[in-house]
Amino acid sequence: MNRPRMSAAASSLLRTLLRRAQLPADRILLTHWISTDWQSLTFSGERHQAGFRVRGAGAAEAVGQWLDGIEEADLPLGRYFVAEIGLSREPVAQDDGSVLVELEALTLED
């Protein structure tokens, strides 16, 4: 089966977000990722929508630490930079103790 590949900007952003979360790999699950091309008169890049499920004890606290100050954070992406990032909606606690997180970001070519 052929799987669609993530762009280089999307892959870099995902790796950077996961590093920032500082959680073991089995505690954070990517639930969805959508990237679309974006252009202005002077810049080109991609708009990203991402969903995550954070599991395990203390999930709400872990999400709080992960997202604290993310709008102003310096998120290094190599050939790209994050022009804006933020929550699509407030994190949602689930009955099983996990927390759903939805983010939106705009990455531009450097």
PDB file of N, CA and C in Angstrom:
ATOM      1  N   MET A   1       0.841  -1.168   0.000  1.00  0.00           N
ATOM      2  CA  MET A   1       0.000   0.000   0.000  1.00  0.00           C
ATOM      3  C   MET A   1       0.892   1.239   0.000  1.00  0.00           C
ATOM      4  N   ASN A   2       0.557   2.202  -0.839  1.00  0.00           N
ATOM      5  CA  ASN A   2       1.274   3.468  -0.876  1.00  0.00           C
ATOM      6  C   ASN A   2       0.703   4.394   0.182  1.00  0.00           C
ATOM      7  N   ARG A   3       1.563   5.018   0.923  1.00  0.00           N
ATOM      8  CA  ARG A   3       1.149   5.988   1.924  1.00  0.00           C
ATOM      9  C   ARG A   3       1.619   7.363   1.503  1.00  0.00           C
ATOM     10  N   PRO A   4       0.771   8.363   1.676  1.00  0.00           N
ATOM     11  CA  PRO A   4       1.230   9.716   1.353  1.00  0.00           C
ATOM     12  C   PRO A   4       2.366  10.117   2.294  1.00  0.00           C
ATOM     13  N   ARG A   5       3.324  10.795   1.754  1.00  0.00           N
ATOM     14  CA  ARG A   5       4.458  11.240   2.564  1.00  0.00           C
ATOM     15  C   ARG A   5       4.201  12.641   3.087  1.00  0.00           C
ATOM     16  N   MET A   6       4.762  12.902   4.247  1.00  0.00           N
ATOM     17  CA  MET A   6       4.722  14.262   4.782  1.00  0.00           C
ATOM     18  C   MET A   6       5.793  15.074   4.072  1.00  0.00           C
ATOM     19  N   SER A   7       5.517  16.341   3.915  1.00  0.00           N
ATOM     20  CA  SER A   7       6.524  17.228   3.336  1.00  0.00           C
ATOM     21  C   SER A   7       7.679  17.374   4.326  1.00  0.00           C
ATOM     22  N   ALA A   8       8.773  17.923   3.846  1.00  0.00           N
ATOM     23  CA  ALA A   8       9.929  18.152   4.707  1.00  0.00           C
ATOM     24  C   ALA A   8       9.578  19.113   5.843  1.00  0.00           C
ATOM     25  N   ALA A   9       8.806  20.156   5.542  1.00  0.00           N
ATOM     26  CA  ALA A   9       8.411  21.116   6.579  1.00  0.00           C
ATOM     27  C   ALA A   9       7.527  20.444   7.620  1.00  0.00           C
ATOM     28  N   ALA A  10       6.576  19.631   7.182  1.00  0.00           N
ATOM     29  CA  ALA A  10       5.674  18.944   8.116  1.00  0.00           C
ATOM     30  C   ALA A  10       6.456  17.968   8.988  1.00  0.00           C
ATOM     31  N   SER A  11       7.348  17.206   8.392  1.00  0.00           N
ATOM     32  CA  SER A  11       8.167  16.256   9.159  1.00  0.00           C
ATOM     33  C   SER A  11       9.023  16.967  10.195  1.00  0.00           C
ATOM     34  N   SER A  12       9.630  18.069   9.796  1.00  0.00           N
ATOM     35  CA  SER A  12      10.466  18.841  10.729  1.00  0.00           C
ATOM     36  C   SER A  12       9.631  19.394  11.874  1.00  0.00           C
ATOM     37  N   LEU A  13       8.458  19.920  11.552  1.00  0.00           N
ATOM     38  CA  LEU A  13       7.585  20.463  12.589  1.00  0.00           C
ATOM     39  C   LEU A  13       7.127  19.364  13.541  1.00  0.00           C
ATOM     40  N   LEU A  14       6.746  18.215  13.018  1.00  0.00           N
ATOM     41  CA  LEU A  14       6.315  17.110  13.876  1.00  0.00           C
ATOM     42  C   LEU A  14       7.437  16.677  14.811  1.00  0.00           C
ATOM     43  N   ARG A  15       8.634  16.482  14.296  1.00  0.00           N
ATOM     44  CA  ARG A  15       9.771  16.088  15.145  1.00  0.00           C
ATOM     45  C   ARG A  15      10.036  17.129  16.230  1.00  0.00           C
ATOM     46  N   THR A  16       9.967  18.389  15.859  1.00  0.00           N
ATOM     47  CA  THR A  16      10.224  19.464  16.823  1.00  0.00           C
ATOM     48  C   THR A  16       9.145  19.497  17.900  1.00  0.00           C
ATOM     49  N   LEU A  17       7.889  19.325  17.514  1.00  0.00           N
ATOM     50  CA  LEU A  17       6.803  19.304  18.500  1.00  0.00           C
ATOM     51  C   LEU A  17       6.941  18.122  19.453  1.00  0.00           C
ATOM     52  N   LEU A  18       7.300  16.960  18.928  1.00  0.00           N
ATOM     53  CA  LEU A  18       7.464  15.783  19.786  1.00  0.00           C
ATOM     54  C   LEU A  18       8.641  15.963  20.746  1.00  0.00           C
ATOM     55  N   ARG A  19       9.731  16.556  20.272  1.00  0.00           N
ATOM     56  CA  ARG A  19      10.871  16.845  21.173  1.00  0.00           C
ATOM     57  C   ARG A  19      10.455  17.815  22.261  1.00  0.00           C
ATOM     58  N   ARG A  20       9.698  18.825  21.880  1.00  0.00           N
ATOM     59  CA  ARG A  20       9.250  19.827  22.856  1.00  0.00           C
ATOM     60  C   ARG A  20       8.358  19.197  23.920  1.00  0.00           C
ATOM     61  N   ALA A  21       7.565  18.204  23.555  1.00  0.00           N
ATOM     62  CA  ALA A  21       6.667  17.552  24.509  1.00  0.00           C
ATOM     63  C   ALA A  21       7.436  16.820  25.605  1.00  0.00           C
ATOM     64  N   GLN A  22       8.648  16.372  25.315  1.00  0.00           N
ATOM     65  CA  GLN A  22       9.495  15.666  26.279  1.00  0.00           C
ATOM     66  C   GLN A  22       8.742  14.518  26.956  1.00  0.00           C
ATOM     67  N   LEU A  23       8.031  13.740  26.149  1.00  0.00           N
ATOM     68  CA  LEU A  23       7.286  12.589  26.642  1.00  0.00           C
ATOM     69  C   LEU A  23       7.812  11.322  25.984  1.00  0.00           C
ATOM     70  N   PRO A  24       7.733  10.192  26.681  1.00  0.00           N
ATOM     71  CA  PRO A  24       8.082   8.929  26.026  1.00  0.00           C
ATOM     72  C   PRO A  24       7.180   8.707  24.806  1.00  0.00           C
ATOM     73  N   ALA A  25       7.713   8.063  23.800  1.00  0.00           N
ATOM     74  CA  ALA A  25       6.988   7.873  22.541  1.00  0.00           C
ATOM     75  C   ALA A  25       5.656   7.153  22.722  1.00  0.00           C
ATOM     76  N   ASP A  26       5.533   6.311  23.739  1.00  0.00           N
ATOM     77  CA  ASP A  26       4.280   5.584  23.924  1.00  0.00           C
ATOM     78  C   ASP A  26       3.205   6.406  24.636  1.00  0.00           C
ATOM     79  N   ARG A  27       3.498   7.653  24.986  1.00  0.00           N
ATOM     80  CA  ARG A  27       2.521   8.499  25.678  1.00  0.00           C
ATOM     81  C   ARG A  27       1.865   9.527  24.773  1.00  0.00           C
ATOM     82  N   ILE A  28       2.409   9.725  23.572  1.00  0.00           N
ATOM     83  CA  ILE A  28       1.843  10.727  22.676  1.00  0.00           C
ATOM     84  C   ILE A  28       1.607  10.089  21.306  1.00  0.00           C
ATOM     85  N   LEU A  29       0.378  10.211  20.841  1.00  0.00           N
ATOM     86  CA  LEU A  29      -0.038   9.588  19.595  1.00  0.00           C
ATOM     87  C   LEU A  29      -0.501  10.672  18.628  1.00  0.00           C
ATOM     88  N   LEU A  30       0.027  10.631  17.411  1.00  0.00           N
ATOM     89  CA  LEU A  30      -0.438  11.527  16.357  1.00  0.00           C
ATOM     90  C   LEU A  30      -1.753  10.964  15.833  1.00  0.00           C
ATOM     91  N   THR A  31      -2.833  11.728  15.944  1.00  0.00           N
ATOM     92  CA  THR A  31      -4.136  11.248  15.492  1.00  0.00           C
ATOM     93  C   THR A  31      -4.468  11.710  14.079  1.00  0.00           C
ATOM     94  N   HIS A  32      -3.997  12.881  13.703  1.00  0.00           N
ATOM     95  CA  HIS A  32      -4.173  13.337  12.323  1.00  0.00           C
ATOM     96  C   HIS A  32      -3.191  14.467  12.014  1.00  0.00           C
ATOM     97  N   TRP A  33      -2.918  14.613  10.726  1.00  0.00           N
ATOM     98  CA  TRP A  33      -2.039  15.686  10.250  1.00  0.00           C
ATOM     99  C   TRP A  33      -2.473  16.041   8.836  1.00  0.00           C
ATOM    100  N   ILE A  34      -2.770  17.305   8.621  1.00  0.00           N
ATOM    101  CA  ILE A  34      -3.135  17.797   7.296  1.00  0.00           C
ATOM    102  C   ILE A  34      -2.260  19.009   6.990  1.00  0.00           C
ATOM    103  N   SER A  35      -1.602  18.980   5.850  1.00  0.00           N
ATOM    104  CA  SER A  35      -0.789  20.115   5.403  1.00  0.00           C
ATOM    105  C   SER A  35      -1.300  20.575   4.049  1.00  0.00           C
ATOM    106  N   THR A  36      -1.399  21.885   3.893  1.00  0.00           N
ATOM    107  CA  THR A  36      -1.802  22.462   2.615  1.00  0.00           C
ATOM    108  C   THR A  36      -0.822  23.566   2.240  1.00  0.00           C
ATOM    109  N   ASP A  37      -0.587  23.694   0.943  1.00  0.00           N
ATOM    110  CA  ASP A  37       0.306  24.753   0.465  1.00  0.00           C
ATOM    111  C   ASP A  37      -0.285  26.116   0.809  1.00  0.00           C
ATOM    112  N   TRP A  38       0.594  27.069   1.056  1.00  0.00           N
ATOM    113  CA  TRP A  38       0.182  28.426   1.406  1.00  0.00           C
ATOM    114  C   TRP A  38       1.146  29.383   0.720  1.00  0.00           C
ATOM    115  N   GLN A  39       0.611  30.504   0.211  1.00  0.00           N
ATOM    116  CA  GLN A  39       1.453  31.505  -0.446  1.00  0.00           C
ATOM    117  C   GLN A  39       0.925  32.903  -0.191  1.00  0.00           C
ATOM    118  N   SER A  40       1.840  33.841  -0.103  1.00  0.00           N
ATOM    119  CA  SER A  40       1.501  35.259  -0.134  1.00  0.00           C
ATOM    120  C   SER A  40       2.309  35.856  -1.288  1.00  0.00           C
ATOM    121  N   LEU A  41       2.298  37.160  -1.411  1.00  0.00           N
ATOM    122  CA  LEU A  41       3.086  37.775  -2.488  1.00  0.00           C
ATOM    123  C   LEU A  41       4.580  37.570  -2.293  1.00  0.00           C
ATOM    124  N   THR A  42       5.029  37.468  -1.050  1.00  0.00           N
ATOM    125  CA  THR A  42       6.458  37.396  -0.782  1.00  0.00           C
ATOM    126  C   THR A  42       6.926  36.094  -0.139  1.00  0.00           C
ATOM    127  N   PHE A  43       6.016  35.275   0.375  1.00  0.00           N
ATOM    128  CA  PHE A  43       6.408  34.055   1.082  1.00  0.00           C
ATOM    129  C   PHE A  43       5.653  32.854   0.541  1.00  0.00           C
ATOM    130  N   SER A  44       6.272  31.691   0.693  1.00  0.00           N
ATOM    131  CA  SER A  44       5.556  30.445   0.414  1.00  0.00           C
ATOM    132  C   SER A  44       5.848  29.471   1.542  1.00  0.00           C
ATOM    133  N   GLY A  45       4.891  28.622   1.793  1.00  0.00           N
ATOM    134  CA  GLY A  45       5.027  27.676   2.876  1.00  0.00           C
ATOM    135  C   GLY A  45       3.850  26.726   2.936  1.00  0.00           C
ATOM    136  N   GLU A  46       3.535  26.279   4.152  1.00  0.00           N
ATOM    137  CA  GLU A  46       2.441  25.337   4.358  1.00  0.00           C
ATOM    138  C   GLU A  46       1.692  25.675   5.632  1.00  0.00           C
ATOM    139  N   ARG A  47       0.402  25.438   5.594  1.00  0.00           N
ATOM    140  CA  ARG A  47      -0.435  25.526   6.786  1.00  0.00           C
ATOM    141  C   ARG A  47      -0.679  24.096   7.241  1.00  0.00           C
ATOM    142  N   HIS A  48      -0.520  23.853   8.553  1.00  0.00           N
ATOM    143  CA  HIS A  48      -0.623  22.510   9.117  1.00  0.00           C
ATOM    144  C   HIS A  48      -1.715  22.473  10.178  1.00  0.00           C
ATOM    145  N   GLN A  49      -2.451  21.381  10.195  1.00  0.00           N
ATOM    146  CA  GLN A  49      -3.405  21.083  11.258  1.00  0.00           C
ATOM    147  C   GLN A  49      -3.000  19.724  11.808  1.00  0.00           C
ATOM    148  N   ALA A  50      -2.817  19.649  13.123  1.00  0.00           N
ATOM    149  CA  ALA A  50      -2.339  18.412  13.740  1.00  0.00           C
ATOM    150  C   ALA A  50      -3.162  18.073  14.965  1.00  0.00           C
ATOM    151  N   GLY A  51      -3.368  16.788  15.163  1.00  0.00           N
ATOM    152  CA  GLY A  51      -4.067  16.311  16.347  1.00  0.00           C
ATOM    153  C   GLY A  51      -3.218  15.279  17.062  1.00  0.00           C
ATOM    154  N   PHE A  52      -3.232  15.341  18.389  1.00  0.00           N
ATOM    155  CA  PHE A  52      -2.461  14.426  19.227  1.00  0.00           C
ATOM    156  C   PHE A  52      -3.343  13.925  20.368  1.00  0.00           C
ATOM    157  N   ARG A  53      -3.049  12.726  20.853  1.00  0.00           N
ATOM    158  CA  ARG A  53      -3.650  12.201  22.074  1.00  0.00           C
ATOM    159  C   ARG A  53      -2.493  11.928  23.033  1.00  0.00           C
ATOM    160  N   VAL A  54      -2.527  12.574  24.189  1.00  0.00           N
ATOM    161  CA  VAL A  54      -1.509  12.360  25.218  1.00  0.00           C
ATOM    162  C   VAL A  54      -2.127  11.452  26.265  1.00  0.00           C
ATOM    163  N   ARG A  55      -1.454  10.327  26.544  1.00  0.00           N
ATOM    164  CA  ARG A  55      -1.984   9.308  27.447  1.00  0.00           C
ATOM    165  C   ARG A  55      -1.155   9.214  28.725  1.00  0.00           C
ATOM    166  N   GLY A  56      -1.701   8.473  29.672  1.00  0.00           N
ATOM    167  CA  GLY A  56      -0.958   8.129  30.873  1.00  0.00           C
ATOM    168  C   GLY A  56      -1.219   9.063  32.031  1.00  0.00           C
ATOM    169  N   ALA A  57      -0.676   8.667  33.174  1.00  0.00           N
ATOM    170  CA  ALA A  57      -0.841   9.447  34.403  1.00  0.00           C
ATOM    171  C   ALA A  57      -0.265  10.847  34.210  1.00  0.00           C
ATOM    172  N   GLY A  58      -0.997  11.842  34.669  1.00  0.00           N
ATOM    173  CA  GLY A  58      -0.537  13.222  34.567  1.00  0.00           C
ATOM    174  C   GLY A  58      -0.599  13.795  33.166  1.00  0.00           C
ATOM    175  N   ALA A  59      -1.459  13.248  32.305  1.00  0.00           N
ATOM    176  CA  ALA A  59      -1.539  13.713  30.915  1.00  0.00           C
ATOM    177  C   ALA A  59      -1.870  15.201  30.839  1.00  0.00           C
ATOM    178  N   ALA A  60      -2.805  15.657  31.671  1.00  0.00           N
ATOM    179  CA  ALA A  60      -3.197  17.073  31.628  1.00  0.00           C
ATOM    180  C   ALA A  60      -2.021  17.979  31.987  1.00  0.00           C
ATOM    181  N   GLU A  61      -1.250  17.592  32.993  1.00  0.00           N
ATOM    182  CA  GLU A  61      -0.076  18.390  33.383  1.00  0.00           C
ATOM    183  C   GLU A  61       0.980  18.372  32.290  1.00  0.00           C
ATOM    184  N   ALA A  62       1.177  17.207  31.678  1.00  0.00           N
ATOM    185  CA  ALA A  62       2.160  17.097  30.594  1.00  0.00           C
ATOM    186  C   ALA A  62       1.768  17.981  29.416  1.00  0.00           C
ATOM    187  N   VAL A  63       0.488  17.993  29.088  1.00  0.00           N
ATOM    188  CA  VAL A  63       0.004  18.852  27.998  1.00  0.00           C
ATOM    189  C   VAL A  63       0.209  20.319  28.357  1.00  0.00           C
ATOM    190  N   GLY A  64      -0.085  20.685  29.590  1.00  0.00           N
ATOM    191  CA  GLY A  64       0.125  22.059  30.035  1.00  0.00           C
ATOM    192  C   GLY A  64       1.564  22.504  29.873  1.00  0.00           C
ATOM    193  N   GLN A  65       2.503  21.643  30.255  1.00  0.00           N
ATOM    194  CA  GLN A  65       3.924  21.977  30.126  1.00  0.00           C
ATOM    195  C   GLN A  65       4.334  22.060  28.649  1.00  0.00           C
ATOM    196  N   TRP A  66       3.826  21.134  27.843  1.00  0.00           N
ATOM    197  CA  TRP A  66       4.158  21.092  26.423  1.00  0.00           C
ATOM    198  C   TRP A  66       3.700  22.359  25.713  1.00  0.00           C
ATOM    199  N   LEU A  67       2.500  22.805  26.023  1.00  0.00           N
ATOM    200  CA  LEU A  67       1.907  23.923  25.298  1.00  0.00           C
ATOM    201  C   LEU A  67       2.212  25.290  25.909  1.00  0.00           C
ATOM    202  N   ASP A  68       2.747  25.319  27.110  1.00  0.00           N
ATOM    203  CA  ASP A  68       3.020  26.587  27.783  1.00  0.00           C
ATOM    204  C   ASP A  68       3.982  27.435  26.951  1.00  0.00           C
ATOM    205  N   GLY A  69       3.510  28.572  26.477  1.00  0.00           N
ATOM    206  CA  GLY A  69       4.343  29.496  25.710  1.00  0.00           C
ATOM    207  C   GLY A  69       4.623  29.076  24.283  1.00  0.00           C
ATOM    208  N   ILE A  70       3.888  28.104  23.768  1.00  0.00           N
ATOM    209  CA  ILE A  70       4.194  27.596  22.421  1.00  0.00           C
ATOM    210  C   ILE A  70       4.018  28.672  21.348  1.00  0.00           C
ATOM    211  N   GLU A  71       3.098  29.619  21.557  1.00  0.00           N
ATOM    212  CA  GLU A  71       2.872  30.661  20.548  1.00  0.00           C
ATOM    213  C   GLU A  71       4.103  31.531  20.332  1.00  0.00           C
ATOM    214  N   GLU A  72       4.927  31.680  21.367  1.00  0.00           N
ATOM    215  CA  GLU A  72       6.131  32.519  21.265  1.00  0.00           C
ATOM    216  C   GLU A  72       7.406  31.698  21.172  1.00  0.00           C
ATOM    217  N   ALA A  73       7.296  30.392  21.184  1.00  0.00           N
ATOM    218  CA  ALA A  73       8.480  29.535  21.241  1.00  0.00           C
ATOM    219  C   ALA A  73       9.287  29.596  19.950  1.00  0.00           C
ATOM    220  N   ASP A  74      10.591  29.471  20.089  1.00  0.00           N
ATOM    221  CA  ASP A  74      11.480  29.338  18.941  1.00  0.00           C
ATOM    222  C   ASP A  74      11.527  27.855  18.604  1.00  0.00           C
ATOM    223  N   LEU A  75      10.960  27.488  17.468  1.00  0.00           N
ATOM    224  CA  LEU A  75      10.896  26.087  17.056  1.00  0.00           C
ATOM    225  C   LEU A  75      11.773  25.900  15.823  1.00  0.00           C
ATOM    226  N   PRO A  76      13.025  25.477  16.006  1.00  0.00           N
ATOM    227  CA  PRO A  76      13.945  25.358  14.875  1.00  0.00           C
ATOM    228  C   PRO A  76      13.542  24.231  13.927  1.00  0.00           C
ATOM    229  N   LEU A  77      13.468  24.549  12.629  1.00  0.00           N
ATOM    230  CA  LEU A  77      13.056  23.570  11.625  1.00  0.00           C
ATOM    231  C   LEU A  77      14.038  23.460  10.463  1.00  0.00           C
ATOM    232  N   GLY A  78      15.240  23.920  10.634  1.00  0.00           N
ATOM    233  CA  GLY A  78      16.206  23.836   9.537  1.00  0.00           C
ATOM    234  C   GLY A  78      15.897  24.845   8.448  1.00  0.00           C
ATOM    235  N   ARG A  79      15.492  24.370   7.257  1.00  0.00           N
ATOM    236  CA  ARG A  79      15.235  25.241   6.106  1.00  0.00           C
ATOM    237  C   ARG A  79      13.927  26.008   6.214  1.00  0.00           C
ATOM    238  N   TYR A  80      13.167  25.783   7.253  1.00  0.00           N
ATOM    239  CA  TYR A  80      11.845  26.398   7.416  1.00  0.00           C
ATOM    240  C   TYR A  80      11.791  27.106   8.761  1.00  0.00           C
ATOM    241  N   PHE A  81      10.780  27.944   8.922  1.00  0.00           N
ATOM    242  CA  PHE A  81      10.552  28.526  10.247  1.00  0.00           C
ATOM    243  C   PHE A  81       9.057  28.591  10.499  1.00  0.00           C
ATOM    244  N   VAL A  82       8.714  28.588  11.774  1.00  0.00           N
ATOM    245  CA  VAL A  82       7.315  28.645  12.173  1.00  0.00           C
ATOM    246  C   VAL A  82       6.917  30.108  12.263  1.00  0.00           C
ATOM    247  N   ALA A  83       6.036  30.535  11.374  1.00  0.00           N
ATOM    248  CA  ALA A  83       5.569  31.919  11.377  1.00  0.00           C
ATOM    249  C   ALA A  83       4.502  32.122  12.446  1.00  0.00           C
ATOM    250  N   GLU A  84       3.674  31.099  12.657  1.00  0.00           N
ATOM    251  CA  GLU A  84       2.673  31.153  13.721  1.00  0.00           C
ATOM    252  C   GLU A  84       2.279  29.730  14.100  1.00  0.00           C
ATOM    253  N   ILE A  85       1.923  29.581  15.362  1.00  0.00           N
ATOM    254  CA  ILE A  85       1.463  28.291  15.874  1.00  0.00           C
ATOM    255  C   ILE A  85       0.555  28.555  17.058  1.00  0.00           C
ATOM    256  N   GLY A  86      -0.431  27.712  17.223  1.00  0.00           N
ATOM    257  CA  GLY A  86      -1.339  27.859  18.356  1.00  0.00           C
ATOM    258  C   GLY A  86      -2.359  26.730  18.383  1.00  0.00           C
ATOM    259  N   LEU A  87      -3.166  26.754  19.405  1.00  0.00           N
ATOM    260  CA  LEU A  87      -4.207  25.750  19.560  1.00  0.00           C
ATOM    261  C   LEU A  87      -5.362  26.024  18.601  1.00  0.00           C
ATOM    262  N   SER A  88      -5.907  24.967  18.016  1.00  0.00           N
ATOM    263  CA  SER A  88      -7.130  25.082  17.223  1.00  0.00           C
ATOM    264  C   SER A  88      -8.324  25.189  18.147  1.00  0.00           C
ATOM    265  N   ARG A  89      -8.215  24.510  19.276  1.00  0.00           N
ATOM    266  CA  ARG A  89      -9.227  24.558  20.331  1.00  0.00           C
ATOM    267  C   ARG A  89      -8.549  24.141  21.624  1.00  0.00           C
ATOM    268  N   GLU A  90      -9.211  24.391  22.723  1.00  0.00           N
ATOM    269  CA  GLU A  90      -8.648  24.017  24.019  1.00  0.00           C
ATOM    270  C   GLU A  90      -8.499  22.499  24.113  1.00  0.00           C
ATOM    271  N   PRO A  91      -7.453  22.011  24.804  1.00  0.00           N
ATOM    272  CA  PRO A  91      -7.295  20.567  24.994  1.00  0.00           C
ATOM    273  C   PRO A  91      -8.540  19.972  25.664  1.00  0.00           C
ATOM    274  N   VAL A  92      -8.864  18.740  25.278  1.00  0.00           N
ATOM    275  CA  VAL A  92     -10.069  18.083  25.766  1.00  0.00           C
ATOM    276  C   VAL A  92      -9.681  16.821  26.530  1.00  0.00           C
ATOM    277  N   ALA A  93     -10.025  16.778  27.825  1.00  0.00           N
ATOM    278  CA  ALA A  93      -9.775  15.589  28.644  1.00  0.00           C
ATOM    279  C   ALA A  93     -10.798  14.515  28.280  1.00  0.00           C
ATOM    280  N   GLN A  94     -10.320  13.282  28.158  1.00  0.00           N
ATOM    281  CA  GLN A  94     -11.174  12.145  27.822  1.00  0.00           C
ATOM    282  C   GLN A  94     -11.458  11.312  29.066  1.00  0.00           C
ATOM    283  N   ASP A  95     -12.469  10.468  28.991  1.00  0.00           N
ATOM    284  CA  ASP A  95     -12.847   9.622  30.121  1.00  0.00           C
ATOM    285  C   ASP A  95     -11.727   8.685  30.561  1.00  0.00           C
ATOM    286  N   ASP A  96     -10.862   8.283  29.631  1.00  0.00           N
ATOM    287  CA  ASP A  96      -9.770   7.370  29.972  1.00  0.00           C
ATOM    288  C   ASP A  96      -8.552   8.087  30.564  1.00  0.00           C
ATOM    289  N   GLY A  97      -8.648   9.402  30.774  1.00  0.00           N
ATOM    290  CA  GLY A  97      -7.543  10.171  31.346  1.00  0.00           C
ATOM    291  C   GLY A  97      -6.624  10.785  30.312  1.00  0.00           C
ATOM    292  N   SER A  98      -6.789  10.431  29.048  1.00  0.00           N
ATOM    293  CA  SER A  98      -5.961  11.028  28.005  1.00  0.00           C
ATOM    294  C   SER A  98      -6.480  12.430  27.676  1.00  0.00           C
ATOM    295  N   VAL A  99      -5.676  13.176  26.953  1.00  0.00           N
ATOM    296  CA  VAL A  99      -6.032  14.538  26.564  1.00  0.00           C
ATOM    297  C   VAL A  99      -5.813  14.692  25.063  1.00  0.00           C
ATOM    298  N   LEU A 100      -6.834  15.234  24.388  1.00  0.00           N
ATOM    299  CA  LEU A 100      -6.733  15.507  22.954  1.00  0.00           C
ATOM    300  C   LEU A 100      -6.248  16.938  22.742  1.00  0.00           C
ATOM    301  N   VAL A 101      -5.297  17.096  21.857  1.00  0.00           N
ATOM    302  CA  VAL A 101      -4.706  18.401  21.560  1.00  0.00           C
ATOM    303  C   VAL A 101      -4.790  18.619  20.055  1.00  0.00           C
ATOM    304  N   GLU A 102      -5.248  19.801  19.650  1.00  0.00           N
ATOM    305  CA  GLU A 102      -5.273  20.163  18.233  1.00  0.00           C
ATOM    306  C   GLU A 102      -4.522  21.475  18.050  1.00  0.00           C
ATOM    307  N   LEU A 103      -3.542  21.447  17.142  1.00  0.00           N
ATOM    308  CA  LEU A 103      -2.698  22.609  16.866  1.00  0.00           C
ATOM    309  C   LEU A 103      -2.826  23.007  15.400  1.00  0.00           C
ATOM    310  N   GLU A 104      -2.601  24.291  15.147  1.00  0.00           N
ATOM    311  CA  GLU A 104      -2.481  24.820  13.795  1.00  0.00           C
ATOM    312  C   GLU A 104      -1.160  25.566  13.709  1.00  0.00           C
ATOM    313  N   ALA A 105      -0.505  25.460  12.576  1.00  0.00           N
ATOM    314  CA  ALA A 105       0.769  26.160  12.403  1.00  0.00           C
ATOM    315  C   ALA A 105       0.934  26.579  10.952  1.00  0.00           C
ATOM    316  N   LEU A 106       1.713  27.628  10.762  1.00  0.00           N
ATOM    317  CA  LEU A 106       2.115  28.070   9.443  1.00  0.00           C
ATOM    318  C   LEU A 106       3.637  28.021   9.399  1.00  0.00           C
ATOM    319  N   THR A 107       4.173  27.235   8.476  1.00  0.00           N
ATOM    320  CA  THR A 107       5.625  27.185   8.272  1.00  0.00           C
ATOM    321  C   THR A 107       5.952  27.854   6.956  1.00  0.00           C
ATOM    322  N   LEU A 108       7.055  28.580   6.944  1.00  0.00           N
ATOM    323  CA  LEU A 108       7.506  29.283   5.740  1.00  0.00           C
ATOM    324  C   LEU A 108       8.916  28.835   5.379  1.00  0.00           C
ATOM    325  N   GLU A 109       9.221  28.898   4.102  1.00  0.00           N
ATOM    326  CA  GLU A 109      10.583  28.586   3.668  1.00  0.00           C
ATOM    327  C   GLU A 109      11.495  29.712   4.115  1.00  0.00           C
ATOM    328  N   ASP A 110      12.640  29.347   4.645  1.00  0.00           N
ATOM    329  CA  ASP A 110      13.591  30.325   5.164  1.00  0.00           C
ATOM    330  C   ASP A 110      14.396  30.939   4.043  1.00  0.00           C
TER     331      ASP A 110
END
